[in-house]
């Protein structure tokens, strides 16, 4: 479990660092912003000065990824359950 947590932390950290480097580079002018860019902008404004910025961004990204996984899993489970309980609809599917 600790090994997986370290790998996830490394991946998320590399995403944040890549975005930070892209923001500093000259070829990023007018580029499309994504969630990590927006988070870096908020962090740079100094709104979260008491916390480590990378930890805030990595934690928020991980939370969004896990929340999306859970809702998708639950939706698919309910869909399969309803199909299995309704043989007429299952035959159409």
PDB file of N, CA and C in Angstrom:
ATOM      1  N   UNK A   1       0.819  -1.187   0.000  1.00  0.00           N
ATOM      2  CA  UNK A   1       0.000   0.000   0.000  1.00  0.00           C
ATOM      3  C   UNK A   1       0.871   1.262   0.000  1.00  0.00           C
ATOM      4  N   UNK A   2       1.942   1.219   0.794  1.00  0.00           N
ATOM      5  CA  UNK A   2       2.832   2.378   0.839  1.00  0.00           C
ATOM      6  C   UNK A   2       3.536   2.588  -0.500  1.00  0.00           C
ATOM      7  N   UNK A   3       3.880   1.482  -1.166  1.00  0.00           N
ATOM      8  CA  UNK A   3       4.538   1.583  -2.467  1.00  0.00           C
ATOM      9  C   UNK A   3       3.614   2.223  -3.490  1.00  0.00           C
ATOM     10  N   UNK A   4       2.351   1.819  -3.487  1.00  0.00           N
ATOM     11  CA  UNK A   4       1.370   2.390  -4.407  1.00  0.00           C
ATOM     12  C   UNK A   4       1.165   3.873  -4.114  1.00  0.00           C
ATOM     13  N   UNK A   5       1.099   4.228  -2.839  1.00  0.00           N
ATOM     14  CA  UNK A   5       0.927   5.634  -2.467  1.00  0.00           C
ATOM     15  C   UNK A   5       2.111   6.471  -2.948  1.00  0.00           C
ATOM     16  N   UNK A   6       3.321   5.917  -2.845  1.00  0.00           N
ATOM     17  CA  UNK A   6       4.497   6.638  -3.326  1.00  0.00           C
ATOM     18  C   UNK A   6       4.463   6.807  -4.843  1.00  0.00           C
ATOM     19  N   UNK A   7       4.007   5.774  -5.556  1.00  0.00           N
ATOM     20  CA  UNK A   7       3.917   5.865  -7.015  1.00  0.00           C
ATOM     21  C   UNK A   7       2.877   6.897  -7.444  1.00  0.00           C
ATOM     22  N   UNK A   8       1.727   6.897  -6.775  1.00  0.00           N
ATOM     23  CA  UNK A   8       0.680   7.879  -7.086  1.00  0.00           C
ATOM     24  C   UNK A   8       1.192   9.285  -6.792  1.00  0.00           C
ATOM     25  N   UNK A   9       1.874   9.449  -5.672  1.00  0.00           N
ATOM     26  CA  UNK A   9       2.437  10.750  -5.320  1.00  0.00           C
ATOM     27  C   UNK A   9       3.451  11.199  -6.370  1.00  0.00           C
ATOM     28  N   UNK A  10       4.260  10.262  -6.861  1.00  0.00           N
ATOM     29  CA  UNK A  10       5.250  10.595  -7.888  1.00  0.00           C
ATOM     30  C   UNK A  10       4.572  11.033  -9.189  1.00  0.00           C
ATOM     31  N   UNK A  11       3.547  10.301  -9.609  1.00  0.00           N
ATOM     32  CA  UNK A  11       2.841  10.635 -10.852  1.00  0.00           C
ATOM     33  C   UNK A  11       2.169  11.998 -10.736  1.00  0.00           C
ATOM     34  N   UNK A  12       1.437  12.205  -9.654  1.00  0.00           N
ATOM     35  CA  UNK A  12       0.770  13.496  -9.465  1.00  0.00           C
ATOM     36  C   UNK A  12       1.785  14.631  -9.352  1.00  0.00           C
ATOM     37  N   UNK A  13       2.886  14.377  -8.678  1.00  0.00           N
ATOM     38  CA  UNK A  13       3.937  15.386  -8.563  1.00  0.00           C
ATOM     39  C   UNK A  13       4.552  15.733  -9.907  1.00  0.00           C
ATOM     40  N   UNK A  14       4.724  14.718 -10.758  1.00  0.00           N
ATOM     41  CA  UNK A  14       5.278  14.996 -12.087  1.00  0.00           C
ATOM     42  C   UNK A  14       4.291  15.789 -12.939  1.00  0.00           C
ATOM     43  N   UNK A  15       2.985  15.534 -12.790  1.00  0.00           N
ATOM     44  CA  UNK A  15       1.974  16.328 -13.507  1.00  0.00           C
ATOM     45  C   UNK A  15       2.065  17.792 -13.095  1.00  0.00           C
ATOM     46  N   UNK A  16       2.130  18.018 -11.790  1.00  0.00           N
ATOM     47  CA  UNK A  16       2.187  19.392 -11.283  1.00  0.00           C
ATOM     48  C   UNK A  16       3.463  20.072 -11.769  1.00  0.00           C
ATOM     49  N   UNK A  17       4.576  19.366 -11.698  1.00  0.00           N
ATOM     50  CA  UNK A  17       5.845  19.957 -12.131  1.00  0.00           C
ATOM     51  C   UNK A  17       5.844  20.240 -13.634  1.00  0.00           C
ATOM     52  N   UNK A  18       5.278  19.345 -14.434  1.00  0.00           N
ATOM     53  CA  UNK A  18       5.170  19.587 -15.879  1.00  0.00           C
ATOM     54  C   UNK A  18       4.345  20.835 -16.164  1.00  0.00           C
ATOM     55  N   UNK A  19       3.237  20.982 -15.473  1.00  0.00           N
ATOM     56  CA  UNK A  19       2.394  22.159 -15.668  1.00  0.00           C
ATOM     57  C   UNK A  19       3.107  23.433 -15.212  1.00  0.00           C
ATOM     58  N   UNK A  20       3.837  23.309 -14.119  1.00  0.00           N
ATOM     59  CA  UNK A  20       4.572  24.475 -13.624  1.00  0.00           C
ATOM     60  C   UNK A  20       5.633  24.900 -14.649  1.00  0.00           C
ATOM     61  N   UNK A  21       6.338  23.926 -15.237  1.00  0.00           N
ATOM     62  CA  UNK A  21       7.347  24.231 -16.256  1.00  0.00           C
ATOM     63  C   UNK A  21       6.704  24.811 -17.513  1.00  0.00           C
ATOM     64  N   UNK A  22       5.548  24.279 -17.911  1.00  0.00           N
ATOM     65  CA  UNK A  22       4.849  24.800 -19.088  1.00  0.00           C
ATOM     66  C   UNK A  22       4.402  26.240 -18.879  1.00  0.00           C
ATOM     67  N   UNK A  23       3.988  26.557 -17.670  1.00  0.00           N
ATOM     68  CA  UNK A  23       3.571  27.934 -17.378  1.00  0.00           C
ATOM     69  C   UNK A  23       4.746  28.889 -17.460  1.00  0.00           C
ATOM     70  N   UNK A  24       5.932  28.425 -17.087  1.00  0.00           N
ATOM     71  CA  UNK A  24       7.113  29.281 -17.107  1.00  0.00           C
ATOM     72  C   UNK A  24       7.710  29.426 -18.501  1.00  0.00           C
ATOM     73  N   UNK A  25       7.423  28.462 -19.369  1.00  0.00           N
ATOM     74  CA  UNK A  25       8.006  28.507 -20.711  1.00  0.00           C
ATOM     75  C   UNK A  25       7.304  29.557 -21.568  1.00  0.00           C
ATOM     76  N   UNK A  26       8.013  30.052 -22.542  1.00  0.00           N
ATOM     77  CA  UNK A  26       7.471  31.105 -23.415  1.00  0.00           C
ATOM     78  C   UNK A  26       6.440  30.561 -24.390  1.00  0.00           C
ATOM     79  N   UNK A  27       6.470  29.262 -24.682  1.00  0.00           N
ATOM     80  CA  UNK A  27       5.550  28.702 -25.674  1.00  0.00           C
ATOM     81  C   UNK A  27       4.175  28.387 -25.090  1.00  0.00           C
ATOM     82  N   UNK A  28       3.917  28.767 -23.863  1.00  0.00           N
ATOM     83  CA  UNK A  28       2.623  28.487 -23.237  1.00  0.00           C
ATOM     84  C   UNK A  28       1.644  29.655 -23.381  1.00  0.00           C
ATOM     85  N   UNK A  29       2.029  30.691 -24.061  1.00  0.00           N
ATOM     86  CA  UNK A  29       1.151  31.855 -24.215  1.00  0.00           C
ATOM     87  C   UNK A  29      -0.094  31.475 -24.992  1.00  0.00           C
ATOM     88  N   UNK A  30      -1.236  31.713 -24.405  1.00  0.00           N
ATOM     89  CA  UNK A  30      -2.498  31.426 -25.076  1.00  0.00           C
ATOM     90  C   UNK A  30      -2.879  29.959 -25.084  1.00  0.00           C
ATOM     91  N   UNK A  31      -2.134  29.119 -24.391  1.00  0.00           N
ATOM     92  CA  UNK A  31      -2.462  27.698 -24.368  1.00  0.00           C
ATOM     93  C   UNK A  31      -3.715  27.466 -23.533  1.00  0.00           C
ATOM     94  N   UNK A  32      -4.383  26.389 -23.843  1.00  0.00           N
ATOM     95  CA  UNK A  32      -5.607  26.052 -23.117  1.00  0.00           C
ATOM     96  C   UNK A  32      -5.271  25.691 -21.677  1.00  0.00           C
ATOM     97  N   UNK A  33      -6.036  26.215 -20.751  1.00  0.00           N
ATOM     98  CA  UNK A  33      -5.812  25.920 -19.342  1.00  0.00           C
ATOM     99  C   UNK A  33      -6.623  24.701 -18.933  1.00  0.00           C
ATOM    100  N   UNK A  34      -6.047  23.893 -18.072  1.00  0.00           N
ATOM    101  CA  UNK A  34      -6.781  22.774 -17.507  1.00  0.00           C
ATOM    102  C   UNK A  34      -6.860  22.967 -15.993  1.00  0.00           C
ATOM    103  N   UNK A  35      -7.289  21.933 -15.303  1.00  0.00           N
ATOM    104  CA  UNK A  35      -7.531  22.045 -13.866  1.00  0.00           C
ATOM    105  C   UNK A  35      -6.256  22.360 -13.092  1.00  0.00           C
ATOM    106  N   UNK A  36      -5.167  21.700 -13.438  1.00  0.00           N
ATOM    107  CA  UNK A  36      -3.922  21.924 -12.697  1.00  0.00           C
ATOM    108  C   UNK A  36      -3.416  23.347 -12.937  1.00  0.00           C
ATOM    109  N   UNK A  37      -3.555  23.850 -14.169  1.00  0.00           N
ATOM    110  CA  UNK A  37      -3.186  25.245 -14.431  1.00  0.00           C
ATOM    111  C   UNK A  37      -4.005  26.196 -13.550  1.00  0.00           C
ATOM    112  N   UNK A  38      -5.292  25.931 -13.455  1.00  0.00           N
ATOM    113  CA  UNK A  38      -6.159  26.785 -12.635  1.00  0.00           C
ATOM    114  C   UNK A  38      -5.751  26.719 -11.163  1.00  0.00           C
ATOM    115  N   UNK A  39      -5.445  25.519 -10.686  1.00  0.00           N
ATOM    116  CA  UNK A  39      -5.011  25.381  -9.292  1.00  0.00           C
ATOM    117  C   UNK A  39      -3.702  26.124  -9.048  1.00  0.00           C
ATOM    118  N   UNK A  40      -2.764  26.024  -9.995  1.00  0.00           N
ATOM    119  CA  UNK A  40      -1.500  26.743  -9.844  1.00  0.00           C
ATOM    120  C   UNK A  40      -1.723  28.251  -9.814  1.00  0.00           C
ATOM    121  N   UNK A  41      -2.669  28.735 -10.598  1.00  0.00           N
ATOM    122  CA  UNK A  41      -2.977  30.171 -10.594  1.00  0.00           C
ATOM    123  C   UNK A  41      -3.521  30.616  -9.243  1.00  0.00           C
ATOM    124  N   UNK A  42      -4.399  29.809  -8.667  1.00  0.00           N
ATOM    125  CA  UNK A  42      -4.965  30.141  -7.356  1.00  0.00           C
ATOM    126  C   UNK A  42      -3.880  30.104  -6.288  1.00  0.00           C
ATOM    127  N   UNK A  43      -3.025  29.100  -6.355  1.00  0.00           N
ATOM    128  CA  UNK A  43      -1.939  28.966  -5.379  1.00  0.00           C
ATOM    129  C   UNK A  43      -0.978  30.149  -5.501  1.00  0.00           C
ATOM    130  N   UNK A  44      -0.676  30.556  -6.740  1.00  0.00           N
ATOM    131  CA  UNK A  44       0.249  31.672  -6.945  1.00  0.00           C
ATOM    132  C   UNK A  44      -0.300  32.988  -6.414  1.00  0.00           C
ATOM    133  N   UNK A  45      -1.625  33.083  -6.324  1.00  0.00           N
ATOM    134  CA  UNK A  45      -2.237  34.293  -5.774  1.00  0.00           C
ATOM    135  C   UNK A  45      -2.037  34.401  -4.266  1.00  0.00           C
ATOM    136  N   UNK A  46      -1.523  33.344  -3.640  1.00  0.00           N
ATOM    137  CA  UNK A  46      -1.226  33.373  -2.217  1.00  0.00           C
ATOM    138  C   UNK A  46      -2.402  33.077  -1.312  1.00  0.00           C
ATOM    139  N   UNK A  47      -3.442  32.460  -1.839  1.00  0.00           N
ATOM    140  CA  UNK A  47      -4.625  32.188  -1.029  1.00  0.00           C
ATOM    141  C   UNK A  47      -4.414  31.031  -0.055  1.00  0.00           C
ATOM    142  N   UNK A  48      -3.417  30.184  -0.307  1.00  0.00           N
ATOM    143  CA  UNK A  48      -3.163  29.029   0.555  1.00  0.00           C
ATOM    144  C   UNK A  48      -1.720  29.062   1.049  1.00  0.00           C
ATOM    145  N   UNK A  49      -1.298  30.165   1.594  1.00  0.00           N
ATOM    146  CA  UNK A  49       0.109  30.343   1.936  1.00  0.00           C
ATOM    147  C   UNK A  49       0.565  29.483   3.115  1.00  0.00           C
ATOM    148  N   UNK A  50      -0.351  29.000   3.933  1.00  0.00           N
ATOM    149  CA  UNK A  50       0.053  28.221   5.109  1.00  0.00           C
ATOM    150  C   UNK A  50       0.289  26.752   4.788  1.00  0.00           C
ATOM    151  N   UNK A  51      -0.102  26.312   3.638  1.00  0.00           N
ATOM    152  CA  UNK A  51       0.029  24.898   3.270  1.00  0.00           C
ATOM    153  C   UNK A  51       1.007  24.747   2.109  1.00  0.00           C
ATOM    154  N   UNK A  52       1.515  23.523   1.941  1.00  0.00           N
ATOM    155  CA  UNK A  52       2.390  23.220   0.814  1.00  0.00           C
ATOM    156  C   UNK A  52       1.552  23.196  -0.467  1.00  0.00           C
ATOM    157  N   UNK A  53       1.867  24.035  -1.445  1.00  0.00           N
ATOM    158  CA  UNK A  53       1.045  24.109  -2.664  1.00  0.00           C
ATOM    159  C   UNK A  53       0.949  22.790  -3.419  1.00  0.00           C
ATOM    160  N   UNK A  54       2.059  22.060  -3.514  1.00  0.00           N
ATOM    161  CA  UNK A  54       2.023  20.794  -4.244  1.00  0.00           C
ATOM    162  C   UNK A  54       1.111  19.786  -3.556  1.00  0.00           C
ATOM    163  N   UNK A  55       1.129  19.761  -2.239  1.00  0.00           N
ATOM    164  CA  UNK A  55       0.268  18.840  -1.498  1.00  0.00           C
ATOM    165  C   UNK A  55      -1.202  19.164  -1.729  1.00  0.00           C
ATOM    166  N   UNK A  56      -1.541  20.439  -1.755  1.00  0.00           N
ATOM    167  CA  UNK A  56      -2.932  20.843  -1.998  1.00  0.00           C
ATOM    168  C   UNK A  56      -3.377  20.405  -3.383  1.00  0.00           C
ATOM    169  N   UNK A  57      -2.548  20.665  -4.394  1.00  0.00           N
ATOM    170  CA  UNK A  57      -2.918  20.331  -5.771  1.00  0.00           C
ATOM    171  C   UNK A  57      -2.992  18.823  -5.959  1.00  0.00           C
ATOM    172  N   UNK A  58      -1.998  18.089  -5.456  1.00  0.00           N
ATOM    173  CA  UNK A  58      -2.005  16.631  -5.612  1.00  0.00           C
ATOM    174  C   UNK A  58      -3.187  16.005  -4.880  1.00  0.00           C
ATOM    175  N   UNK A  59      -3.489  16.486  -3.693  1.00  0.00           N
ATOM    176  CA  UNK A  59      -4.621  15.954  -2.936  1.00  0.00           C
ATOM    177  C   UNK A  59      -5.951  16.216  -3.622  1.00  0.00           C
ATOM    178  N   UNK A  60      -6.106  17.415  -4.167  1.00  0.00           N
ATOM    179  CA  UNK A  60      -7.349  17.753  -4.864  1.00  0.00           C
ATOM    180  C   UNK A  60      -7.513  16.916  -6.124  1.00  0.00           C
ATOM    181  N   UNK A  61      -6.435  16.748  -6.888  1.00  0.00           N
ATOM    182  CA  UNK A  61      -6.493  15.922  -8.104  1.00  0.00           C
ATOM    183  C   UNK A  61      -6.823  14.471  -7.763  1.00  0.00           C
ATOM    184  N   UNK A  62      -6.184  13.930  -6.748  1.00  0.00           N
ATOM    185  CA  UNK A  62      -6.452  12.553  -6.348  1.00  0.00           C
ATOM    186  C   UNK A  62      -7.893  12.391  -5.892  1.00  0.00           C
ATOM    187  N   UNK A  63      -8.397  13.352  -5.162  1.00  0.00           N
ATOM    188  CA  UNK A  63      -9.783  13.317  -4.705  1.00  0.00           C
ATOM    189  C   UNK A  63     -10.748  13.296  -5.889  1.00  0.00           C
ATOM    190  N   UNK A  64     -10.498  14.123  -6.894  1.00  0.00           N
ATOM    191  CA  UNK A  64     -11.361  14.153  -8.078  1.00  0.00           C
ATOM    192  C   UNK A  64     -11.293  12.845  -8.862  1.00  0.00           C
ATOM    193  N   UNK A  65     -10.097  12.281  -8.988  1.00  0.00           N
ATOM    194  CA  UNK A  65      -9.948  11.015  -9.713  1.00  0.00           C
ATOM    195  C   UNK A  65     -10.691   9.900  -8.992  1.00  0.00           C
ATOM    196  N   UNK A  66     -10.509   9.799  -7.686  1.00  0.00           N
ATOM    197  CA  UNK A  66     -11.171   8.739  -6.923  1.00  0.00           C
ATOM    198  C   UNK A  66     -12.679   8.930  -6.873  1.00  0.00           C
ATOM    199  N   UNK A  67     -13.139  10.170  -6.807  1.00  0.00           N
ATOM    200  CA  UNK A  67     -14.582  10.430  -6.797  1.00  0.00           C
ATOM    201  C   UNK A  67     -15.204  10.021  -8.124  1.00  0.00           C
ATOM    202  N   UNK A  68     -14.512  10.286  -9.220  1.00  0.00           N
ATOM    203  CA  UNK A  68     -15.011   9.883 -10.533  1.00  0.00           C
ATOM    204  C   UNK A  68     -15.057   8.375 -10.684  1.00  0.00           C
ATOM    205  N   UNK A  69     -14.053   7.689 -10.146  1.00  0.00           N
ATOM    206  CA  UNK A  69     -14.019   6.234 -10.212  1.00  0.00           C
ATOM    207  C   UNK A  69     -15.187   5.639  -9.436  1.00  0.00           C
ATOM    208  N   UNK A  70     -15.426   6.148  -8.240  1.00  0.00           N
ATOM    209  CA  UNK A  70     -16.495   5.611  -7.397  1.00  0.00           C
ATOM    210  C   UNK A  70     -17.859   5.784  -8.007  1.00  0.00           C
ATOM    211  N   UNK A  71     -18.134   6.949  -8.555  1.00  0.00           N
ATOM    212  CA  UNK A  71     -19.462   7.186  -9.132  1.00  0.00           C
ATOM    213  C   UNK A  71     -19.676   6.349 -10.384  1.00  0.00           C
ATOM    214  N   UNK A  72     -18.640   6.177 -11.198  1.00  0.00           N
ATOM    215  CA  UNK A  72     -18.753   5.337 -12.392  1.00  0.00           C
ATOM    216  C   UNK A  72     -18.995   3.890 -11.998  1.00  0.00           C
ATOM    217  N   UNK A  73     -18.261   3.409 -11.017  1.00  0.00           N
ATOM    218  CA  UNK A  73     -18.411   2.038 -10.553  1.00  0.00           C
ATOM    219  C   UNK A  73     -19.823   1.788 -10.023  1.00  0.00           C
ATOM    220  N   UNK A  74     -20.325   2.706  -9.232  1.00  0.00           N
ATOM    221  CA  UNK A  74     -21.667   2.551  -8.658  1.00  0.00           C
ATOM    222  C   UNK A  74     -22.730   2.585  -9.749  1.00  0.00           C
ATOM    223  N   UNK A  75     -22.577   3.483 -10.715  1.00  0.00           N
ATOM    224  CA  UNK A  75     -23.542   3.582 -11.813  1.00  0.00           C
ATOM    225  C   UNK A  75     -23.569   2.297 -12.630  1.00  0.00           C
ATOM    226  N   UNK A  76     -22.410   1.754 -12.952  1.00  0.00           N
ATOM    227  CA  UNK A  76     -22.360   0.506 -13.718  1.00  0.00           C
ATOM    228  C   UNK A  76     -22.925  -0.665 -12.921  1.00  0.00           C
ATOM    229  N   UNK A  77     -22.664  -0.704 -11.635  1.00  0.00           N
ATOM    230  CA  UNK A  77     -23.208  -1.770 -10.792  1.00  0.00           C
ATOM    231  C   UNK A  77     -24.729  -1.724 -10.777  1.00  0.00           C
ATOM    232  N   UNK A  78     -25.305  -0.530 -10.616  1.00  0.00           N
ATOM    233  CA  UNK A  78     -26.764  -0.400 -10.624  1.00  0.00           C
ATOM    234  C   UNK A  78     -27.343  -0.760 -11.985  1.00  0.00           C
ATOM    235  N   UNK A  79     -26.690  -0.350 -13.055  1.00  0.00           N
ATOM    236  CA  UNK A  79     -27.192  -0.668 -14.395  1.00  0.00           C
ATOM    237  C   UNK A  79     -27.224  -2.174 -14.612  1.00  0.00           C
ATOM    238  N   UNK A  80     -26.166  -2.862 -14.234  1.00  0.00           N
ATOM    239  CA  UNK A  80     -26.139  -4.322 -14.376  1.00  0.00           C
ATOM    240  C   UNK A  80     -27.178  -4.985 -13.482  1.00  0.00           C
ATOM    241  N   UNK A  81     -27.320  -4.491 -12.276  1.00  0.00           N
ATOM    242  CA  UNK A  81     -28.307  -5.051 -11.359  1.00  0.00           C
ATOM    243  C   UNK A  81     -29.722  -4.911 -11.911  1.00  0.00           C
ATOM    244  N   UNK A  82     -30.028  -3.736 -12.436  1.00  0.00           N
ATOM    245  CA  UNK A  82     -31.366  -3.514 -12.995  1.00  0.00           C
ATOM    246  C   UNK A  82     -31.602  -4.354 -14.243  1.00  0.00           C
ATOM    247  N   UNK A  83     -30.576  -4.509 -15.067  1.00  0.00           N
ATOM    248  CA  UNK A  83     -30.723  -5.352 -16.258  1.00  0.00           C
ATOM    249  C   UNK A  83     -30.937  -6.815 -15.880  1.00  0.00           C
ATOM    250  N   UNK A  84     -30.209  -7.287 -14.885  1.00  0.00           N
ATOM    251  CA  UNK A  84     -30.354  -8.683 -14.471  1.00  0.00           C
ATOM    252  C   UNK A  84     -31.715  -8.952 -13.841  1.00  0.00           C
ATOM    253  N   UNK A  85     -32.314  -7.942 -13.242  1.00  0.00           N
ATOM    254  CA  UNK A  85     -33.633  -8.107 -12.634  1.00  0.00           C
ATOM    255  C   UNK A  85     -34.768  -7.880 -13.621  1.00  0.00           C
ATOM    256  N   UNK A  86     -34.465  -7.428 -14.816  1.00  0.00           N
ATOM    257  CA  UNK A  86     -35.476  -7.186 -15.834  1.00  0.00           C
ATOM    258  C   UNK A  86     -35.042  -7.910 -17.112  1.00  0.00           C
ATOM    259  N   UNK A  87     -35.453  -9.162 -17.233  1.00  0.00           N
ATOM    260  CA  UNK A  87     -35.015 -10.007 -18.347  1.00  0.00           C
ATOM    261  C   UNK A  87     -35.464  -9.464 -19.698  1.00  0.00           C
ATOM    262  N   UNK A  88     -36.616  -8.809 -19.750  1.00  0.00           N
ATOM    263  CA  UNK A  88     -37.107  -8.244 -21.003  1.00  0.00           C
ATOM    264  C   UNK A  88     -36.139  -7.167 -21.515  1.00  0.00           C
ATOM    265  N   UNK A  89     -35.699  -6.293 -20.634  1.00  0.00           N
ATOM    266  CA  UNK A  89     -34.748  -5.247 -21.023  1.00  0.00           C
ATOM    267  C   UNK A  89     -33.380  -5.839 -21.335  1.00  0.00           C
ATOM    268  N   UNK A  90     -33.004  -6.907 -20.631  1.00  0.00           N
ATOM    269  CA  UNK A  90     -31.718  -7.549 -20.865  1.00  0.00           C
ATOM    270  C   UNK A  90     -31.661  -8.151 -22.260  1.00  0.00           C
ATOM    271  N   UNK A  91     -32.772  -8.731 -22.730  1.00  0.00           N
ATOM    272  CA  UNK A  91     -32.800  -9.307 -24.076  1.00  0.00           C
ATOM    273  C   UNK A  91     -32.639  -8.225 -25.135  1.00  0.00           C
ATOM    274  N   UNK A  92     -33.196  -7.025 -24.893  1.00  0.00           N
ATOM    275  CA  UNK A  92     -33.048  -5.923 -25.841  1.00  0.00           C
ATOM    276  C   UNK A  92     -31.617  -5.387 -25.864  1.00  0.00           C
ATOM    277  N   UNK A  93     -30.963  -5.429 -24.730  1.00  0.00           N
ATOM    278  CA  UNK A  93     -29.597  -4.897 -24.645  1.00  0.00           C
ATOM    279  C   UNK A  93     -28.665  -5.876 -25.300  1.00  0.00           C
TER     280      UNK A  93
END
